[in-house]
Amino acid sequence: MSESFDLNDLEHFTVGTIGPPGQRVFYLQAGVTGTLVTLKLEKQEVSALADHFAAVLREISEDPDAIEPEVDIGLIDPVEAEWTAGEFRFGYDPDADRMLLIITERPAQEEADDLATAQFRITRGQVAGFVNRARQVVASGRPPCRFCGAPLNDDGTWCPCFN
């Protein structure tokens, strides 16, 4: 069974990649003094997280553009995933003014019991910084095909839909 995490008062909350476009691996990192959690994600999950967080900021903030994004320092080495993200759940604690992100481990085909979870309580500034960083990271990959939206090949010139 993988380790579970429950982190409050995050000092670090970011997303990043390792590898060249077309072969990148996406990671979410969260940390407090003495604990750094790294989880593996898919590109589409990073994009969906950014979209969801941006929508929540618009919903809970009178002026979401006035939120000062926390400065992002990128991934901290060593980047070693604890496990791969599976299910995402969200919440908001208005008393603490924190967003809650709960990620459940993706089960192996033969194991679906005792899945690990990671719970992160995130400030508005951390969320705004994450949204900015996630959008940059996703956009820095291979360009999309103008016809189907799928990533072009590694040199950016061809897509299977061209046939």
N, C-alpha and C. Protein backbone atom coordinates (compact mmCIF):
# COMPACT_ATOMS: atom_id res chain seq x y z
N MET A 1 0.83 -1.18 0.00
CA MET A 1 0.00 0.00 0.00
C MET A 1 0.88 1.24 0.00
N SER A 2 0.49 2.23 -0.80
CA SER A 2 1.25 3.47 -0.89
C SER A 2 0.93 4.37 0.30
N GLU A 3 1.80 5.33 0.52
CA GLU A 3 1.63 6.26 1.63
C GLU A 3 0.60 7.33 1.29
N SER A 4 -0.20 7.73 2.30
CA SER A 4 -1.16 8.82 2.17
C SER A 4 -0.58 10.07 2.81
N PHE A 5 -1.12 11.23 2.40
CA PHE A 5 -0.61 12.52 2.87
C PHE A 5 -1.77 13.45 3.18
N ASP A 6 -1.61 14.30 4.20
CA ASP A 6 -2.60 15.32 4.55
C ASP A 6 -1.81 16.56 4.95
N LEU A 7 -1.70 17.53 4.01
CA LEU A 7 -0.84 18.69 4.23
C LEU A 7 -1.66 19.97 4.33
N ASN A 8 -1.40 20.71 5.40
CA ASN A 8 -1.98 22.05 5.61
C ASN A 8 -0.86 23.07 5.46
N ASP A 9 -1.25 24.32 5.29
CA ASP A 9 -0.30 25.43 5.25
C ASP A 9 0.87 25.15 4.32
N LEU A 10 0.53 24.80 3.08
CA LEU A 10 1.54 24.47 2.08
C LEU A 10 2.53 25.61 1.87
N GLU A 11 3.77 25.24 1.72
CA GLU A 11 4.82 26.19 1.36
C GLU A 11 5.17 26.07 -0.12
N HIS A 12 4.73 24.98 -0.73
CA HIS A 12 5.07 24.69 -2.12
C HIS A 12 3.90 23.96 -2.76
N PHE A 13 3.42 24.46 -3.90
CA PHE A 13 2.33 23.81 -4.63
C PHE A 13 2.50 24.16 -6.10
N THR A 14 2.89 23.18 -6.90
CA THR A 14 3.21 23.47 -8.30
C THR A 14 2.99 22.25 -9.18
N VAL A 15 3.22 22.47 -10.44
CA VAL A 15 3.16 21.42 -11.45
C VAL A 15 4.34 21.62 -12.38
N GLY A 16 4.83 20.53 -12.95
CA GLY A 16 5.94 20.65 -13.89
C GLY A 16 6.09 19.35 -14.67
N THR A 17 7.08 19.34 -15.55
CA THR A 17 7.31 18.17 -16.40
C THR A 17 8.79 17.82 -16.42
N ILE A 18 9.03 16.59 -16.79
CA ILE A 18 10.39 16.14 -17.07
C ILE A 18 10.34 15.41 -18.40
N GLY A 19 11.30 15.74 -19.26
CA GLY A 19 11.38 15.09 -20.56
C GLY A 19 11.06 16.04 -21.70
N PRO A 20 11.41 15.63 -22.92
CA PRO A 20 11.16 16.49 -24.08
C PRO A 20 9.69 16.42 -24.51
N PRO A 21 9.20 17.45 -25.21
CA PRO A 21 7.82 17.41 -25.71
C PRO A 21 7.55 16.10 -26.46
N GLY A 22 6.39 15.55 -26.19
CA GLY A 22 6.02 14.28 -26.78
C GLY A 22 6.38 13.10 -25.89
N GLN A 23 7.29 13.34 -24.93
CA GLN A 23 7.69 12.28 -24.00
C GLN A 23 7.70 12.79 -22.56
N ARG A 24 7.05 13.93 -22.34
CA ARG A 24 7.06 14.54 -21.01
C ARG A 24 6.24 13.71 -20.02
N VAL A 25 6.68 13.75 -18.79
CA VAL A 25 5.94 13.18 -17.68
C VAL A 25 5.54 14.36 -16.80
N PHE A 26 4.27 14.42 -16.42
CA PHE A 26 3.73 15.53 -15.66
C PHE A 26 3.67 15.18 -14.17
N TYR A 27 4.04 16.15 -13.34
CA TYR A 27 4.07 15.94 -11.89
C TYR A 27 3.40 17.12 -11.18
N LEU A 28 2.71 16.80 -10.10
CA LEU A 28 2.20 17.80 -9.16
C LEU A 28 3.04 17.64 -7.90
N GLN A 29 3.48 18.77 -7.34
CA GLN A 29 4.26 18.73 -6.11
C GLN A 29 3.63 19.65 -5.08
N ALA A 30 3.60 19.18 -3.84
CA ALA A 30 3.13 19.98 -2.72
C ALA A 30 4.04 19.69 -1.54
N GLY A 31 4.30 20.73 -0.75
CA GLY A 31 5.20 20.49 0.35
C GLY A 31 5.07 21.47 1.49
N VAL A 32 5.48 20.98 2.64
CA VAL A 32 5.66 21.77 3.85
C VAL A 32 7.05 21.41 4.37
N THR A 33 7.54 22.16 5.33
CA THR A 33 8.87 21.88 5.87
C THR A 33 8.97 20.41 6.28
N GLY A 34 9.93 19.72 5.70
CA GLY A 34 10.18 18.33 6.04
C GLY A 34 9.41 17.32 5.21
N THR A 35 8.43 17.75 4.42
CA THR A 35 7.65 16.81 3.60
C THR A 35 7.44 17.38 2.21
N LEU A 36 7.83 16.63 1.20
CA LEU A 36 7.60 16.99 -0.19
C LEU A 36 6.90 15.82 -0.85
N VAL A 37 5.71 16.07 -1.39
CA VAL A 37 4.91 15.03 -2.04
C VAL A 37 4.91 15.29 -3.54
N THR A 38 5.27 14.29 -4.32
CA THR A 38 5.26 14.38 -5.77
C THR A 38 4.36 13.28 -6.30
N LEU A 39 3.38 13.68 -7.13
CA LEU A 39 2.45 12.74 -7.74
C LEU A 39 2.53 12.85 -9.25
N LYS A 40 2.40 11.73 -9.93
CA LYS A 40 2.41 11.70 -11.39
C LYS A 40 0.99 11.92 -11.90
N LEU A 41 0.86 12.78 -12.94
CA LEU A 41 -0.43 13.08 -13.54
C LEU A 41 -0.33 12.96 -15.05
N GLU A 42 -1.47 13.03 -15.70
CA GLU A 42 -1.54 13.11 -17.16
C GLU A 42 -1.68 14.58 -17.56
N LYS A 43 -1.27 14.90 -18.77
CA LYS A 43 -1.36 16.28 -19.27
C LYS A 43 -2.80 16.79 -19.20
N GLN A 44 -3.76 15.95 -19.58
CA GLN A 44 -5.16 16.37 -19.57
C GLN A 44 -5.64 16.65 -18.15
N GLU A 45 -5.11 15.94 -17.17
CA GLU A 45 -5.48 16.19 -15.78
C GLU A 45 -4.94 17.53 -15.30
N VAL A 46 -3.73 17.87 -15.72
CA VAL A 46 -3.15 19.16 -15.36
C VAL A 46 -4.01 20.28 -15.94
N SER A 47 -4.39 20.14 -17.20
CA SER A 47 -5.23 21.14 -17.86
C SER A 47 -6.59 21.26 -17.17
N ALA A 48 -7.20 20.13 -16.84
CA ALA A 48 -8.50 20.14 -16.17
C ALA A 48 -8.41 20.75 -14.77
N LEU A 49 -7.33 20.47 -14.04
CA LEU A 49 -7.14 21.08 -12.73
C LEU A 49 -7.06 22.60 -12.85
N ALA A 50 -6.29 23.07 -13.82
CA ALA A 50 -6.16 24.52 -14.01
C ALA A 50 -7.52 25.14 -14.33
N ASP A 51 -8.28 24.52 -15.22
CA ASP A 51 -9.60 25.05 -15.57
C ASP A 51 -10.53 25.06 -14.37
N HIS A 52 -10.53 23.98 -13.60
CA HIS A 52 -11.41 23.90 -12.42
C HIS A 52 -11.02 24.96 -11.39
N PHE A 53 -9.73 25.04 -11.08
CA PHE A 53 -9.28 26.03 -10.09
C PHE A 53 -9.60 27.46 -10.53
N ALA A 54 -9.42 27.76 -11.82
CA ALA A 54 -9.73 29.10 -12.32
C ALA A 54 -11.22 29.39 -12.15
N ALA A 55 -12.08 28.41 -12.42
CA ALA A 55 -13.52 28.59 -12.26
C ALA A 55 -13.89 28.81 -10.79
N VAL A 56 -13.26 28.07 -9.89
CA VAL A 56 -13.54 28.24 -8.47
C VAL A 56 -13.09 29.62 -7.99
N LEU A 57 -11.93 30.08 -8.45
CA LEU A 57 -11.47 31.42 -8.07
C LEU A 57 -12.46 32.48 -8.52
N ARG A 58 -13.02 32.31 -9.73
CA ARG A 58 -14.02 33.27 -10.21
C ARG A 58 -15.28 33.22 -9.35
N GLU A 59 -15.62 32.04 -8.87
CA GLU A 59 -16.84 31.86 -8.09
C GLU A 59 -16.72 32.42 -6.67
N ILE A 60 -15.57 32.25 -6.04
CA ILE A 60 -15.43 32.65 -4.63
C ILE A 60 -14.81 34.03 -4.44
N SER A 61 -14.34 34.65 -5.51
CA SER A 61 -13.67 35.94 -5.40
C SER A 61 -14.46 37.04 -6.09
N GLU A 62 -14.54 38.18 -5.43
CA GLU A 62 -15.21 39.32 -6.06
C GLU A 62 -14.42 39.80 -7.26
N ASP A 63 -13.09 39.78 -7.13
CA ASP A 63 -12.23 40.21 -8.22
C ASP A 63 -11.07 39.21 -8.36
N PRO A 64 -11.31 38.11 -9.09
CA PRO A 64 -10.25 37.08 -9.18
C PRO A 64 -8.96 37.59 -9.81
N ASP A 65 -9.04 38.63 -10.65
CA ASP A 65 -7.83 39.17 -11.27
C ASP A 65 -6.96 39.90 -10.26
N ALA A 66 -7.54 40.26 -9.10
CA ALA A 66 -6.79 40.97 -8.06
C ALA A 66 -6.01 40.02 -7.15
N ILE A 67 -6.24 38.73 -7.29
CA ILE A 67 -5.51 37.76 -6.47
C ILE A 67 -4.05 37.73 -6.93
N GLU A 68 -3.17 37.93 -5.99
CA GLU A 68 -1.74 37.92 -6.30
C GLU A 68 -1.25 36.47 -6.33
N PRO A 69 -0.89 35.96 -7.52
CA PRO A 69 -0.42 34.58 -7.59
C PRO A 69 0.90 34.43 -6.85
N GLU A 70 1.02 33.36 -6.08
CA GLU A 70 2.30 33.10 -5.42
C GLU A 70 3.33 32.76 -6.47
N VAL A 71 4.53 33.21 -6.27
CA VAL A 71 5.61 32.96 -7.21
C VAL A 71 5.92 31.47 -7.21
N ASP A 72 6.01 30.93 -8.38
CA ASP A 72 6.24 29.50 -8.53
C ASP A 72 7.72 29.25 -8.80
N ILE A 73 8.27 28.28 -8.10
CA ILE A 73 9.69 27.96 -8.30
C ILE A 73 9.88 26.69 -9.10
N GLY A 74 8.78 26.08 -9.56
CA GLY A 74 8.90 24.85 -10.33
C GLY A 74 9.11 23.65 -9.44
N LEU A 75 9.44 22.54 -10.06
CA LEU A 75 9.63 21.30 -9.33
C LEU A 75 10.92 21.33 -8.52
N ILE A 76 10.87 20.70 -7.36
CA ILE A 76 12.03 20.59 -6.49
C ILE A 76 12.58 19.18 -6.64
N ASP A 77 13.89 19.07 -6.84
CA ASP A 77 14.54 17.76 -6.94
C ASP A 77 14.73 17.15 -5.57
N PRO A 78 14.73 15.86 -5.45
CA PRO A 78 14.53 14.88 -6.52
C PRO A 78 13.05 14.72 -6.85
N VAL A 79 12.76 14.55 -8.12
CA VAL A 79 11.38 14.37 -8.57
C VAL A 79 11.13 12.87 -8.70
N GLU A 80 10.54 12.30 -7.67
CA GLU A 80 10.22 10.88 -7.63
C GLU A 80 8.78 10.75 -7.19
N ALA A 81 7.92 10.29 -8.08
CA ALA A 81 6.49 10.20 -7.78
C ALA A 81 6.23 9.16 -6.70
N GLU A 82 5.41 9.55 -5.73
CA GLU A 82 4.96 8.62 -4.69
C GLU A 82 4.04 7.59 -5.31
N TRP A 83 3.14 8.06 -6.20
CA TRP A 83 2.20 7.22 -6.91
C TRP A 83 1.53 8.05 -8.00
N THR A 84 0.72 7.40 -8.83
CA THR A 84 0.03 8.07 -9.94
C THR A 84 -1.37 8.47 -9.50
N ALA A 85 -1.74 9.70 -9.83
CA ALA A 85 -3.05 10.22 -9.46
C ALA A 85 -4.15 9.49 -10.22
N GLY A 86 -5.25 9.25 -9.53
CA GLY A 86 -6.42 8.62 -10.13
C GLY A 86 -7.60 9.57 -10.10
N GLU A 87 -8.32 9.58 -9.00
CA GLU A 87 -9.53 10.40 -8.85
C GLU A 87 -9.21 11.71 -8.13
N PHE A 88 -9.89 12.79 -8.58
CA PHE A 88 -9.71 14.10 -7.97
C PHE A 88 -11.03 14.54 -7.35
N ARG A 89 -10.97 15.08 -6.13
CA ARG A 89 -12.14 15.67 -5.48
C ARG A 89 -11.74 17.04 -4.96
N PHE A 90 -12.74 17.91 -4.88
CA PHE A 90 -12.47 19.30 -4.53
C PHE A 90 -13.41 19.77 -3.43
N GLY A 91 -12.97 20.76 -2.69
CA GLY A 91 -13.81 21.38 -1.68
C GLY A 91 -13.29 22.78 -1.41
N TYR A 92 -14.06 23.49 -0.59
CA TYR A 92 -13.65 24.83 -0.19
C TYR A 92 -14.06 25.03 1.26
N ASP A 93 -13.15 25.49 2.08
CA ASP A 93 -13.42 25.79 3.48
C ASP A 93 -13.48 27.30 3.63
N PRO A 94 -14.70 27.89 3.69
CA PRO A 94 -14.81 29.34 3.77
C PRO A 94 -14.24 29.92 5.06
N ASP A 95 -14.27 29.16 6.16
CA ASP A 95 -13.74 29.67 7.43
C ASP A 95 -12.23 29.86 7.36
N ALA A 96 -11.54 28.91 6.75
CA ALA A 96 -10.08 29.00 6.61
C ALA A 96 -9.68 29.67 5.30
N ASP A 97 -10.65 29.91 4.41
CA ASP A 97 -10.40 30.43 3.07
C ASP A 97 -9.32 29.61 2.36
N ARG A 98 -9.56 28.29 2.33
CA ARG A 98 -8.65 27.37 1.68
C ARG A 98 -9.43 26.45 0.74
N MET A 99 -8.86 26.19 -0.41
CA MET A 99 -9.41 25.17 -1.29
C MET A 99 -8.81 23.84 -0.88
N LEU A 100 -9.61 22.80 -1.03
CA LEU A 100 -9.17 21.46 -0.67
C LEU A 100 -9.10 20.63 -1.94
N LEU A 101 -7.97 20.01 -2.15
CA LEU A 101 -7.78 19.09 -3.26
C LEU A 101 -7.46 17.74 -2.65
N ILE A 102 -8.28 16.74 -2.99
CA ILE A 102 -8.06 15.38 -2.53
C ILE A 102 -7.82 14.51 -3.77
N ILE A 103 -6.69 13.87 -3.80
CA ILE A 103 -6.33 13.01 -4.93
C ILE A 103 -6.21 11.59 -4.40
N THR A 104 -6.87 10.67 -5.09
CA THR A 104 -6.79 9.25 -4.73
C THR A 104 -5.90 8.56 -5.75
N GLU A 105 -5.12 7.66 -5.25
CA GLU A 105 -4.19 6.89 -6.08
C GLU A 105 -4.93 6.12 -7.17
N ARG A 106 -4.33 6.06 -8.37
CA ARG A 106 -4.87 5.23 -9.45
C ARG A 106 -4.60 3.77 -9.08
N PRO A 107 -5.66 2.96 -9.07
CA PRO A 107 -5.45 1.56 -8.68
C PRO A 107 -4.74 0.76 -9.76
N ALA A 108 -3.94 -0.19 -9.32
CA ALA A 108 -3.40 -1.18 -10.25
C ALA A 108 -4.57 -2.07 -10.65
N GLN A 109 -4.47 -2.73 -11.77
CA GLN A 109 -5.58 -3.54 -12.26
C GLN A 109 -6.03 -4.59 -11.25
N GLU A 110 -5.10 -5.17 -10.54
CA GLU A 110 -5.46 -6.22 -9.61
C GLU A 110 -5.77 -5.71 -8.20
N GLU A 111 -5.44 -4.45 -7.91
CA GLU A 111 -5.66 -3.91 -6.58
C GLU A 111 -6.53 -2.68 -6.64
N ALA A 112 -7.65 -2.70 -5.93
CA ALA A 112 -8.51 -1.52 -5.85
C ALA A 112 -8.82 -1.18 -4.40
N ASP A 113 -8.27 -1.94 -3.46
CA ASP A 113 -8.48 -1.69 -2.03
C ASP A 113 -7.30 -0.92 -1.47
N ASP A 114 -7.56 -0.22 -0.37
CA ASP A 114 -6.51 0.49 0.36
C ASP A 114 -5.71 1.44 -0.51
N LEU A 115 -6.42 2.26 -1.30
CA LEU A 115 -5.73 3.24 -2.14
C LEU A 115 -5.28 4.41 -1.29
N ALA A 116 -4.13 4.94 -1.59
CA ALA A 116 -3.60 6.09 -0.89
C ALA A 116 -4.34 7.36 -1.32
N THR A 117 -4.33 8.36 -0.46
CA THR A 117 -4.90 9.67 -0.79
C THR A 117 -3.91 10.76 -0.40
N ALA A 118 -4.04 11.87 -1.08
CA ALA A 118 -3.27 13.07 -0.74
C ALA A 118 -4.27 14.22 -0.61
N GLN A 119 -4.25 14.89 0.53
CA GLN A 119 -5.13 16.03 0.77
C GLN A 119 -4.27 17.27 0.93
N PHE A 120 -4.61 18.29 0.14
CA PHE A 120 -3.87 19.54 0.18
C PHE A 120 -4.85 20.69 0.42
N ARG A 121 -4.54 21.56 1.37
CA ARG A 121 -5.32 22.77 1.62
C ARG A 121 -4.52 23.94 1.05
N ILE A 122 -5.14 24.66 0.10
CA ILE A 122 -4.39 25.56 -0.76
C ILE A 122 -4.96 26.98 -0.67
N THR A 123 -4.09 27.98 -0.53
CA THR A 123 -4.53 29.38 -0.49
C THR A 123 -4.94 29.85 -1.88
N ARG A 124 -5.65 30.95 -1.93
CA ARG A 124 -6.04 31.54 -3.22
C ARG A 124 -4.82 31.91 -4.05
N GLY A 125 -3.80 32.46 -3.41
CA GLY A 125 -2.58 32.83 -4.14
C GLY A 125 -1.87 31.62 -4.71
N GLN A 126 -1.84 30.53 -3.95
CA GLN A 126 -1.22 29.30 -4.45
C GLN A 126 -2.01 28.73 -5.62
N VAL A 127 -3.34 28.81 -5.53
CA VAL A 127 -4.18 28.32 -6.62
C VAL A 127 -3.96 29.16 -7.87
N ALA A 128 -3.93 30.48 -7.71
CA ALA A 128 -3.70 31.37 -8.87
C ALA A 128 -2.34 31.10 -9.49
N GLY A 129 -1.31 30.89 -8.68
CA GLY A 129 0.01 30.57 -9.20
C GLY A 129 0.02 29.22 -9.91
N PHE A 130 -0.70 28.24 -9.35
CA PHE A 130 -0.79 26.93 -9.97
C PHE A 130 -1.47 27.02 -11.34
N VAL A 131 -2.56 27.79 -11.42
CA VAL A 131 -3.27 27.94 -12.69
C VAL A 131 -2.33 28.52 -13.75
N ASN A 132 -1.61 29.58 -13.40
CA ASN A 132 -0.67 30.19 -14.35
C ASN A 132 0.39 29.19 -14.80
N ARG A 133 0.98 28.52 -13.84
CA ARG A 133 2.06 27.57 -14.15
C ARG A 133 1.53 26.39 -14.98
N ALA A 134 0.38 25.85 -14.60
CA ALA A 134 -0.19 24.71 -15.32
C ALA A 134 -0.47 25.06 -16.77
N ARG A 135 -1.01 26.23 -17.00
CA ARG A 135 -1.31 26.65 -18.38
C ARG A 135 -0.03 26.82 -19.19
N GLN A 136 1.02 27.34 -18.57
CA GLN A 136 2.31 27.47 -19.27
C GLN A 136 2.90 26.11 -19.60
N VAL A 137 2.85 25.21 -18.63
CA VAL A 137 3.42 23.88 -18.82
C VAL A 137 2.69 23.12 -19.92
N VAL A 138 1.36 23.17 -19.91
CA VAL A 138 0.58 22.47 -20.93
C VAL A 138 0.85 23.06 -22.31
N ALA A 139 0.91 24.39 -22.39
CA ALA A 139 1.10 25.06 -23.68
C ALA A 139 2.50 24.88 -24.24
N SER A 140 3.47 24.50 -23.40
CA SER A 140 4.85 24.41 -23.87
C SER A 140 5.16 23.08 -24.57
N GLY A 141 4.18 22.23 -24.70
CA GLY A 141 4.39 20.95 -25.37
C GLY A 141 4.29 21.08 -26.88
N ARG A 142 4.03 19.95 -27.52
CA ARG A 142 3.89 19.93 -28.97
C ARG A 142 2.67 20.75 -29.38
N PRO A 143 2.74 21.46 -30.50
CA PRO A 143 1.58 22.24 -30.93
C PRO A 143 0.43 21.32 -31.34
N PRO A 144 -0.82 21.79 -31.17
CA PRO A 144 -1.96 20.96 -31.55
C PRO A 144 -2.21 20.99 -33.06
N CYS A 145 -2.78 19.93 -33.57
CA CYS A 145 -3.20 19.86 -34.97
C CYS A 145 -4.35 20.86 -35.17
N ARG A 146 -4.31 21.60 -36.24
CA ARG A 146 -5.35 22.60 -36.48
C ARG A 146 -6.67 21.96 -36.88
N PHE A 147 -6.66 20.68 -37.21
CA PHE A 147 -7.88 19.99 -37.63
C PHE A 147 -8.54 19.23 -36.48
N CYS A 148 -7.75 18.46 -35.73
CA CYS A 148 -8.35 17.60 -34.70
C CYS A 148 -7.97 17.98 -33.27
N GLY A 149 -6.95 18.82 -33.11
CA GLY A 149 -6.53 19.25 -31.78
C GLY A 149 -5.54 18.33 -31.09
N ALA A 150 -5.28 17.15 -31.65
CA ALA A 150 -4.30 16.24 -31.07
C ALA A 150 -2.89 16.81 -31.28
N PRO A 151 -1.94 16.46 -30.42
CA PRO A 151 -0.58 16.96 -30.61
C PRO A 151 0.02 16.47 -31.94
N LEU A 152 0.74 17.37 -32.61
CA LEU A 152 1.46 16.98 -33.82
C LEU A 152 2.62 16.08 -33.45
N ASN A 153 3.26 15.48 -34.45
CA ASN A 153 4.40 14.61 -34.17
C ASN A 153 5.53 15.42 -33.53
N ASP A 154 6.61 14.74 -33.16
CA ASP A 154 7.69 15.39 -32.41
C ASP A 154 8.30 16.61 -33.09
N ASP A 155 8.33 16.63 -34.43
CA ASP A 155 8.89 17.82 -35.08
C ASP A 155 7.82 18.85 -35.44
N GLY A 156 6.58 18.61 -35.00
CA GLY A 156 5.51 19.59 -35.16
C GLY A 156 4.97 19.75 -36.56
N THR A 157 5.12 18.72 -37.41
CA THR A 157 4.71 18.88 -38.81
C THR A 157 3.63 17.93 -39.29
N TRP A 158 3.28 16.89 -38.48
CA TRP A 158 2.38 15.87 -39.00
C TRP A 158 1.44 15.35 -37.93
N CYS A 159 0.22 14.98 -38.35
CA CYS A 159 -0.77 14.37 -37.46
C CYS A 159 -1.42 13.22 -38.24
N PRO A 160 -1.80 12.14 -37.56
CA PRO A 160 -2.45 11.02 -38.26
C PRO A 160 -3.70 11.44 -39.05
N CYS A 161 -4.37 12.50 -38.63
CA CYS A 161 -5.59 12.90 -39.35
C CYS A 161 -5.27 13.51 -40.72
N PHE A 162 -4.00 13.77 -41.00
CA PHE A 162 -3.62 14.31 -42.31
C PHE A 162 -3.80 13.28 -43.43
N ASN A 163 -3.93 12.01 -43.07
CA ASN A 163 -4.08 10.94 -44.09
C ASN A 163 -5.46 10.96 -44.70
